[in-house]
Structures are given as C-alpha cells and as structure tokens.
Amino acid sequence: MAEKEHWSKQHEKGKLWMRKFTLACIRILPGIVVRILAIPIGFFFWLISGPERKAIIKYLKKVRPDRKPYTLPLFLAFSITIIEKVESWAGKIRLGKIHFQDDDINTIWKELEQGKGALLVCSHLGNMEMLRAIADFGDIGVSRRVPVISIVDFKVTAGFNKMIEDANSSSMHNIISAYDIGPDTMLMLQEHVAKGGIVVIAGDRNTEGKLDRNFDIDFLGSSAHFPQGPFIIASLLECPTYFVFAVRQKPLSVSAEYNMHIHKTRVKFSGSRAEKKQQIRQMAEEFVSYLEKYCNKYPLQWYNFYEYWEKGEL
C-alpha cells in the first residue's frame, strides 16, 4: 500500500460541463429517464478508469470468488447511485423510499425522540448521502428536527460536492473537513451531540493527516487498512454510536428503493486508557464485520475504487 498513491491524492473524474448537464437533467427530467441516462455515463467512466477497474476486480474476486469479476455492472450501479445522491439533496427521494430493516431502527428513533444525539459511522457501501439528505429536510421519522454535522474529505470529491451544493445550498452547511479535527472541533462536536444532534463519518477510508492512524483488520479474507479516527471520535463523544448502511434493493433498477440497515455498537467505553484503546479497536472490528456482511449481500454496491489490500493479494 505504501508504494501506491494514497486514494486522497487521486483526482476526481468528470468535467464541469458533465456535472452541470447531469444536474440540469435531474432538475428537469423524470427520475426514470435520468437513471436510464446514467447508464451511458457509467459506461464512459468504466472505459476511462483503468486503475479503478483493477481495484474493483480485486474486490470482486474476494467477495465473489466463484464468479468471473465483471466490473461494468458495478460502475453502472455507481452512476445510478450518484444520480440518487443528488436527487436526495434536491428533495426528490424522501423517507417513503427507504425500507428500514428489523435491526436497531426503533432504538435510534427512541433515543432521538428523547433528545439524545448520536454518531453514525457509514461507509462507501451504497448511498451514504441518503440519511444526511433526508435529515436536512427534517424527514427521518422523529417528531423533532435533528441537526446533522458530517465529517468529510473535500480533496477528492470537490466537483461532486459542488454539484450537491448546486442542488441544495444547505448541503454544505455543518460540514467539517477530516483534516481539521482538533481539540476545538471535538468540543464543538460534543456540544452538538449533547444538544441532540447527529455526527456522520465514514469508517472505511483512512485519511492522510491528523487521522492517518490505521488498524489492520481482516476484511473479506485478507488484512486491510481501516482508519482509527472515526472510532477514536466515538470514544471521545461517548454517545450512542450506530453503523448505518443505505443500499439499493436492486443495484441496476430504475426504481429508487433502498434498504436501510442500522446497528448499534455493542462496545462500551470504560476503564483505563489502555482498555479504551482496546475498545476502540473492538469497535472498528465490529464495524468491519458489518461492512463485510453487507458487501457479501450487496456485492455491486461497495463503491471503493482504490487499492484496499496489499499488492499481490487476491
């Protein structure tokens, strides 16, 4: 991994005119038409994305070892998901399109109704913008409006973030760069959670800079690097922590129907500094176990187009 360029240094693909064209289509055309148009866009990116195809082949060989690793369907599914991320912020996909599963949804609803805050650890599986977008519309199924702060990396997805902002100017409010996490930021996040707010962060990409400390955790049969940062933040916030996965029911369908899986962590932070350090790792391992479970269940929806395992690993 060290000899490869870190994912955060790779450039976002896509030209300005294409993003503007895509946003115009989303605003003007029916959703089913936009999803059909997403297919040739996904095919175009598949053609020009050689390194990304190699990374996806490695992933598909792990998650589907008994099948030939066709990468095109995953690229097409990703292009549809991009459309739906923007649609979410434009208010076109609401709570009725999300089907909550029999997991910990009732627990988080109850805690939010009681005025408690929470940390949501998401991933690049499925549509991680979904919950943040519907929360911005006050449409998450609880009686109060729940403020959301997201911790993101701006370097790689600046163009996509601009398209989201054009769709909904409030989308870039209450966003913190992953490179700016410090003592003052943590105090602000603690106050935010204490007032009943939600903090959202991805748990499946290590970040260069202050949070660039990794765990080596077994993932799909081989050791992979996962960030310590999100789970250190969980230990400092000391609030209810959930792992959230919003995945399309059918990856290549023109219907935007999603399954939302929500799991409350079993890890409790207590004891000495050494014990908390071990608990942080336990939470990371728990998150990875869920990510692995849903990658196996929804193999075409893990949109990580970067090297994840050591060179030579299959």
Protein backbone atom coordinates (compact mmCIF):
# COMPACT_ATOMS: atom_id res chain seq x y z
CA MET A 1 0.00 0.00 0.00
CA ALA A 2 2.82 2.43 0.82
CA GLU A 3 4.19 2.35 -2.70
CA LYS A 4 0.82 3.21 -4.20
CA GLU A 5 -0.60 6.70 -4.36
CA HIS A 6 -2.95 7.32 -1.45
CA TRP A 7 -6.62 7.48 -2.50
CA SER A 8 -6.90 11.09 -1.30
CA LYS A 9 -4.24 12.18 -3.81
CA GLN A 10 -6.10 10.77 -6.81
CA HIS A 11 -8.09 13.17 -8.94
CA GLU A 12 -11.86 13.16 -9.26
CA LYS A 13 -13.00 12.16 -12.75
CA GLY A 14 -15.59 14.19 -14.62
CA LYS A 15 -15.68 17.57 -16.35
CA LEU A 16 -17.56 20.68 -15.24
CA TRP A 17 -19.91 20.56 -18.23
CA MET A 18 -20.84 16.96 -17.44
CA ARG A 19 -21.72 17.80 -13.84
CA LYS A 20 -23.82 20.79 -14.95
CA PHE A 21 -25.55 18.67 -17.59
CA THR A 22 -26.28 15.94 -15.04
CA LEU A 23 -27.74 18.41 -12.55
CA ALA A 24 -29.90 20.00 -15.27
CA CYS A 25 -31.25 16.57 -16.23
CA ILE A 26 -32.07 15.77 -12.60
CA ARG A 27 -33.97 19.04 -12.24
CA ILE A 28 -35.92 18.78 -15.49
CA LEU A 29 -36.43 15.12 -16.40
CA PRO A 30 -38.43 12.38 -14.67
CA GLY A 31 -36.34 10.19 -12.37
CA ILE A 32 -36.73 7.09 -14.51
CA VAL A 33 -35.33 8.93 -17.55
CA VAL A 34 -32.35 10.26 -15.59
CA ARG A 35 -31.50 6.76 -14.38
CA ILE A 36 -31.56 5.47 -17.94
CA LEU A 37 -29.23 8.31 -18.96
CA ALA A 38 -26.90 7.31 -16.12
CA ILE A 39 -26.13 4.04 -17.90
CA PRO A 40 -24.03 5.51 -20.76
CA ILE A 41 -22.35 7.86 -18.27
CA GLY A 42 -21.34 4.85 -16.16
CA PHE A 43 -20.10 3.09 -19.29
CA PHE A 44 -17.96 6.12 -20.19
CA PHE A 45 -16.30 6.18 -16.77
CA TRP A 46 -15.76 2.43 -16.94
CA LEU A 47 -13.86 2.93 -20.21
CA ILE A 48 -11.51 5.62 -18.85
CA SER A 49 -10.96 4.15 -15.36
CA GLY A 50 -8.25 1.53 -15.79
CA PRO A 51 -6.73 1.67 -12.26
CA GLU A 52 -10.20 1.71 -10.72
CA ARG A 53 -11.22 -1.37 -12.71
CA LYS A 54 -8.17 -3.22 -11.38
CA ALA A 55 -9.10 -2.31 -7.79
CA ILE A 56 -12.68 -3.46 -8.34
CA ILE A 57 -11.51 -6.74 -9.88
CA LYS A 58 -9.52 -7.45 -6.74
CA TYR A 59 -12.56 -6.70 -4.59
CA LEU A 60 -14.94 -8.81 -6.72
CA LYS A 61 -12.54 -11.78 -6.62
CA LYS A 62 -12.75 -11.64 -2.85
CA VAL A 63 -16.47 -11.12 -2.49
CA ARG A 64 -17.44 -13.43 -5.38
CA PRO A 65 -14.60 -15.95 -5.72
CA ASP A 66 -16.82 -18.36 -7.68
CA ARG A 67 -17.68 -15.84 -10.41
CA LYS A 68 -15.81 -14.01 -13.12
CA PRO A 69 -15.19 -10.42 -11.91
CA TYR A 70 -17.21 -8.31 -14.34
CA THR A 71 -16.65 -4.70 -13.35
CA LEU A 72 -19.08 -2.90 -15.67
CA PRO A 73 -22.25 -3.62 -13.62
CA LEU A 74 -20.65 -2.04 -10.54
CA PHE A 75 -19.74 1.12 -12.49
CA LEU A 76 -23.29 1.33 -13.84
CA ALA A 77 -24.75 0.87 -10.37
CA PHE A 78 -22.44 3.59 -9.09
CA SER A 79 -23.57 6.05 -11.76
CA ILE A 80 -27.21 5.47 -10.76
CA THR A 81 -26.31 5.97 -7.09
CA ILE A 82 -24.59 9.27 -7.90
CA ILE A 83 -27.82 10.46 -9.53
CA GLU A 84 -29.78 9.46 -6.44
CA LYS A 85 -27.37 11.21 -4.09
CA VAL A 86 -28.08 14.45 -5.92
CA GLU A 87 -31.80 13.65 -6.04
CA SER A 88 -31.77 13.16 -2.27
CA TRP A 89 -30.43 16.67 -1.76
CA ALA A 90 -32.89 18.05 -4.32
CA GLY A 91 -35.73 16.63 -2.22
CA LYS A 92 -36.79 14.04 -4.80
CA ILE A 93 -36.10 10.96 -2.65
CA ARG A 94 -37.83 11.00 0.71
CA LEU A 95 -38.35 8.67 3.63
CA GLY A 96 -41.01 6.60 1.85
CA LYS A 97 -38.37 5.19 -0.50
CA ILE A 98 -36.34 3.84 2.42
CA HIS A 99 -37.25 0.47 3.88
CA PHE A 100 -35.91 0.07 7.41
CA GLN A 101 -34.93 -3.42 8.43
CA ASP A 102 -35.55 -5.36 11.62
CA ASP A 103 -32.38 -4.19 13.37
CA ASP A 104 -31.84 -1.16 15.64
CA ILE A 105 -34.00 1.43 13.88
CA ASN A 106 -36.51 1.55 16.75
CA THR A 107 -33.68 2.09 19.23
CA ILE A 108 -32.25 5.09 17.41
CA TRP A 109 -35.71 6.58 16.83
CA LYS A 110 -36.45 6.26 20.55
CA GLU A 111 -33.15 7.86 21.53
CA LEU A 112 -33.58 10.72 19.08
CA GLU A 113 -37.13 11.30 20.35
CA GLN A 114 -35.69 11.52 23.86
CA GLY A 115 -33.39 14.30 22.70
CA LYS A 116 -30.21 12.20 22.63
CA GLY A 117 -27.56 12.70 19.99
CA ALA A 118 -25.69 10.00 18.09
CA LEU A 119 -22.64 9.21 16.00
CA LEU A 120 -23.38 7.44 12.71
CA VAL A 121 -20.50 5.55 11.12
CA CYS A 122 -21.27 4.95 7.46
CA SER A 123 -19.25 3.60 4.53
CA HIS A 124 -18.84 3.71 0.77
CA LEU A 125 -21.30 0.83 0.50
CA GLY A 126 -24.47 2.10 -1.14
CA ASN A 127 -25.63 5.70 -0.72
CA MET A 128 -24.11 7.29 2.35
CA GLU A 129 -25.63 10.68 1.46
CA MET A 130 -29.15 9.33 1.87
CA LEU A 131 -29.66 9.77 5.60
CA ARG A 132 -27.84 13.10 5.75
CA ALA A 133 -30.01 14.47 2.96
CA ILE A 134 -33.37 13.41 4.36
CA ALA A 135 -32.31 14.64 7.81
CA ASP A 136 -31.69 18.05 6.24
CA PHE A 137 -35.35 18.05 5.19
CA GLY A 138 -36.43 17.02 8.71
CA ASP A 139 -37.68 13.73 7.30
CA ILE A 140 -36.13 10.98 9.42
CA GLY A 141 -39.23 9.73 11.21
CA VAL A 142 -38.96 11.58 14.55
CA SER A 143 -41.02 14.50 15.80
CA ARG A 144 -38.14 16.97 16.18
CA ARG A 145 -35.71 18.35 13.64
CA VAL A 146 -32.32 16.71 14.19
CA PRO A 147 -29.26 18.80 13.20
CA VAL A 148 -26.53 16.85 11.40
CA ILE A 149 -22.80 17.53 11.15
CA SER A 150 -20.78 15.49 8.66
CA ILE A 151 -17.04 14.90 8.69
CA VAL A 152 -15.87 14.52 5.10
CA ASP A 153 -12.82 14.72 2.86
CA PHE A 154 -13.10 17.60 0.41
CA LYS A 155 -9.96 16.93 -1.61
CA VAL A 156 -11.10 14.13 -3.89
CA THR A 157 -14.78 14.96 -4.44
CA ALA A 158 -14.75 18.74 -4.81
CA GLY A 159 -16.67 18.62 -8.10
CA PHE A 160 -19.34 16.29 -6.75
CA ASN A 161 -19.68 18.41 -3.62
CA LYS A 162 -20.24 21.46 -5.82
CA MET A 163 -23.00 19.64 -7.71
CA ILE A 164 -24.62 18.72 -4.39
CA GLU A 165 -24.39 22.34 -3.27
CA ASP A 166 -25.97 23.50 -6.51
CA ALA A 167 -28.84 21.07 -5.90
CA ASN A 168 -29.30 22.26 -2.31
CA SER A 169 -27.35 25.22 -0.93
CA SER A 170 -27.74 23.96 2.64
CA SER A 171 -25.91 20.70 1.85
CA MET A 172 -22.51 22.22 2.61
CA HIS A 173 -23.64 23.68 5.92
CA ASN A 174 -22.45 21.88 9.05
CA ILE A 175 -19.66 20.03 7.27
CA ILE A 176 -16.20 19.61 8.77
CA SER A 177 -13.09 18.63 6.87
CA ALA A 178 -11.46 15.45 8.11
CA TYR A 179 -8.18 17.36 8.05
CA ASP A 180 -9.41 19.95 10.56
CA ILE A 181 -10.22 17.70 13.50
CA GLY A 182 -8.63 19.09 16.65
CA PRO A 183 -9.45 19.88 20.31
CA ASP A 184 -11.68 22.84 19.43
CA THR A 185 -13.54 20.76 16.86
CA MET A 186 -14.10 17.95 19.33
CA LEU A 187 -15.53 20.37 21.90
CA MET A 188 -17.94 21.65 19.26
CA LEU A 189 -18.96 18.10 18.31
CA GLN A 190 -19.51 17.19 21.95
CA GLU A 191 -21.77 20.22 22.40
CA HIS A 192 -23.61 19.33 19.18
CA VAL A 193 -24.30 15.77 20.36
CA ALA A 194 -25.24 16.95 23.86
CA LYS A 195 -27.96 19.09 22.24
CA GLY A 196 -29.38 16.06 20.42
CA GLY A 197 -27.53 16.36 17.11
CA ILE A 198 -26.08 13.68 14.87
CA VAL A 199 -22.47 13.39 13.67
CA VAL A 200 -21.81 11.37 10.49
CA ILE A 201 -18.43 9.99 9.41
CA ALA A 202 -17.23 7.26 7.04
CA GLY A 203 -15.40 4.37 8.66
CA ASP A 204 -13.85 2.67 5.65
CA ARG A 205 -11.20 5.08 4.33
CA ASN A 206 -8.02 6.10 6.11
CA THR A 207 -7.21 9.79 5.77
CA GLU A 208 -3.83 11.44 5.45
CA GLY A 209 -3.04 13.96 8.18
CA LYS A 210 -4.20 14.01 11.77
CA LEU A 211 -6.44 10.95 11.44
CA ASP A 212 -3.93 8.92 9.47
CA ARG A 213 -3.65 6.11 12.01
CA ASN A 214 -4.80 2.74 10.79
CA PHE A 215 -5.89 -0.62 12.08
CA ASP A 216 -5.01 -3.74 10.11
CA ILE A 217 -8.24 -5.73 10.19
CA ASP A 218 -9.24 -8.88 8.32
CA PHE A 219 -11.71 -7.91 5.60
CA LEU A 220 -13.00 -10.39 3.03
CA GLY A 221 -10.22 -12.82 3.83
CA SER A 222 -7.19 -10.52 3.88
CA SER A 223 -5.76 -7.79 6.06
CA ALA A 224 -6.84 -4.28 5.06
CA HIS A 225 -6.24 -0.79 6.43
CA PHE A 226 -9.10 0.90 8.29
CA PRO A 227 -8.94 4.31 9.98
CA GLN A 228 -8.75 4.66 13.73
CA GLY A 229 -10.14 8.20 13.53
CA PRO A 230 -13.91 7.54 13.46
CA PHE A 231 -13.68 5.17 16.40
CA ILE A 232 -11.43 7.48 18.40
CA ILE A 233 -14.09 10.15 17.85
CA ALA A 234 -16.72 7.70 19.14
CA SER A 235 -14.70 7.19 22.31
CA LEU A 236 -14.42 10.95 22.85
CA LEU A 237 -18.06 11.77 22.13
CA GLU A 238 -19.32 8.99 24.44
CA CYS A 239 -22.72 9.00 22.77
CA PRO A 240 -24.82 6.24 21.15
CA THR A 241 -22.90 5.01 18.09
CA TYR A 242 -24.52 3.28 15.12
CA PHE A 243 -23.27 1.68 11.92
CA VAL A 244 -25.51 2.70 9.01
CA PHE A 245 -25.78 1.19 5.52
CA ALA A 246 -28.25 2.51 2.90
CA VAL A 247 -28.25 0.15 -0.09
CA ARG A 248 -30.42 -0.13 -3.18
CA GLN A 249 -32.71 -3.13 -3.21
CA LYS A 250 -31.68 -3.79 -6.83
CA PRO A 251 -28.43 -2.14 -7.93
CA LEU A 252 -29.41 -1.68 -11.60
CA SER A 253 -33.12 -0.98 -11.18
CA VAL A 254 -34.68 2.29 -12.35
CA SER A 255 -36.69 2.31 -9.11
CA ALA A 256 -35.05 4.15 -6.19
CA GLU A 257 -35.98 1.74 -3.41
CA TYR A 258 -33.47 1.43 -0.55
CA ASN A 259 -32.90 -0.88 2.39
CA MET A 260 -31.55 0.90 5.46
CA HIS A 261 -29.58 -1.23 7.92
CA ILE A 262 -28.81 0.34 11.30
CA HIS A 263 -26.81 -1.41 14.03
CA LYS A 264 -25.95 -0.03 17.45
CA THR A 265 -22.44 -0.90 18.56
CA ARG A 266 -22.03 -3.36 21.39
CA VAL A 267 -18.84 -1.65 22.58
CA LYS A 268 -18.97 0.40 25.79
CA PHE A 269 -16.08 2.72 26.61
CA SER A 270 -14.84 2.45 30.17
CA GLY A 271 -11.79 1.74 32.26
CA SER A 272 -8.18 2.76 31.82
CA ARG A 273 -6.60 4.41 28.79
CA ALA A 274 -5.20 1.04 27.69
CA GLU A 275 -8.65 -0.55 28.00
CA LYS A 276 -10.25 2.24 25.95
CA LYS A 277 -7.58 1.81 23.29
CA GLN A 278 -8.55 -1.84 23.01
CA GLN A 279 -12.25 -0.91 22.95
CA ILE A 280 -11.59 1.48 20.05
CA ARG A 281 -10.12 -1.40 18.08
CA GLN A 282 -13.03 -3.65 19.04
CA MET A 283 -15.48 -1.08 17.66
CA ALA A 284 -13.51 -0.84 14.41
CA GLU A 285 -13.54 -4.63 14.08
CA GLU A 286 -17.28 -4.69 14.76
CA PHE A 287 -17.86 -2.09 12.03
CA VAL A 288 -15.73 -4.05 9.56
CA SER A 289 -17.68 -7.23 10.32
CA TYR A 290 -20.91 -5.46 9.33
CA LEU A 291 -19.30 -3.94 6.24
CA GLU A 292 -18.13 -7.40 5.19
CA LYS A 293 -21.61 -8.82 5.78
CA TYR A 294 -23.27 -6.25 3.56
CA CYS A 295 -20.57 -6.37 0.89
CA ASN A 296 -21.37 -10.07 0.60
CA LYS A 297 -25.10 -9.33 0.50
CA TYR A 298 -24.85 -6.35 -1.89
CA PRO A 299 -21.57 -7.02 -3.78
CA LEU A 300 -22.15 -4.48 -6.56
CA GLN A 301 -22.62 -1.56 -4.19
CA TRP A 302 -19.26 -1.08 -2.45
CA TYR A 303 -18.02 1.97 -4.31
CA ASN A 304 -14.41 2.00 -3.25
CA PHE A 305 -12.35 2.40 -6.40
CA TYR A 306 -8.94 2.39 -4.72
CA GLU A 307 -6.35 -0.18 -3.70
CA TYR A 308 -7.51 -1.69 -0.42
CA TRP A 309 -5.34 -4.74 0.07
CA GLU A 310 -1.62 -5.29 -0.25
CA LYS A 311 -0.19 -5.59 -3.75
CA GLY A 312 -0.36 -9.17 -4.95
CA GLU A 313 -3.29 -10.06 -2.69
CA LEU A 314 -6.31 -11.55 -4.47
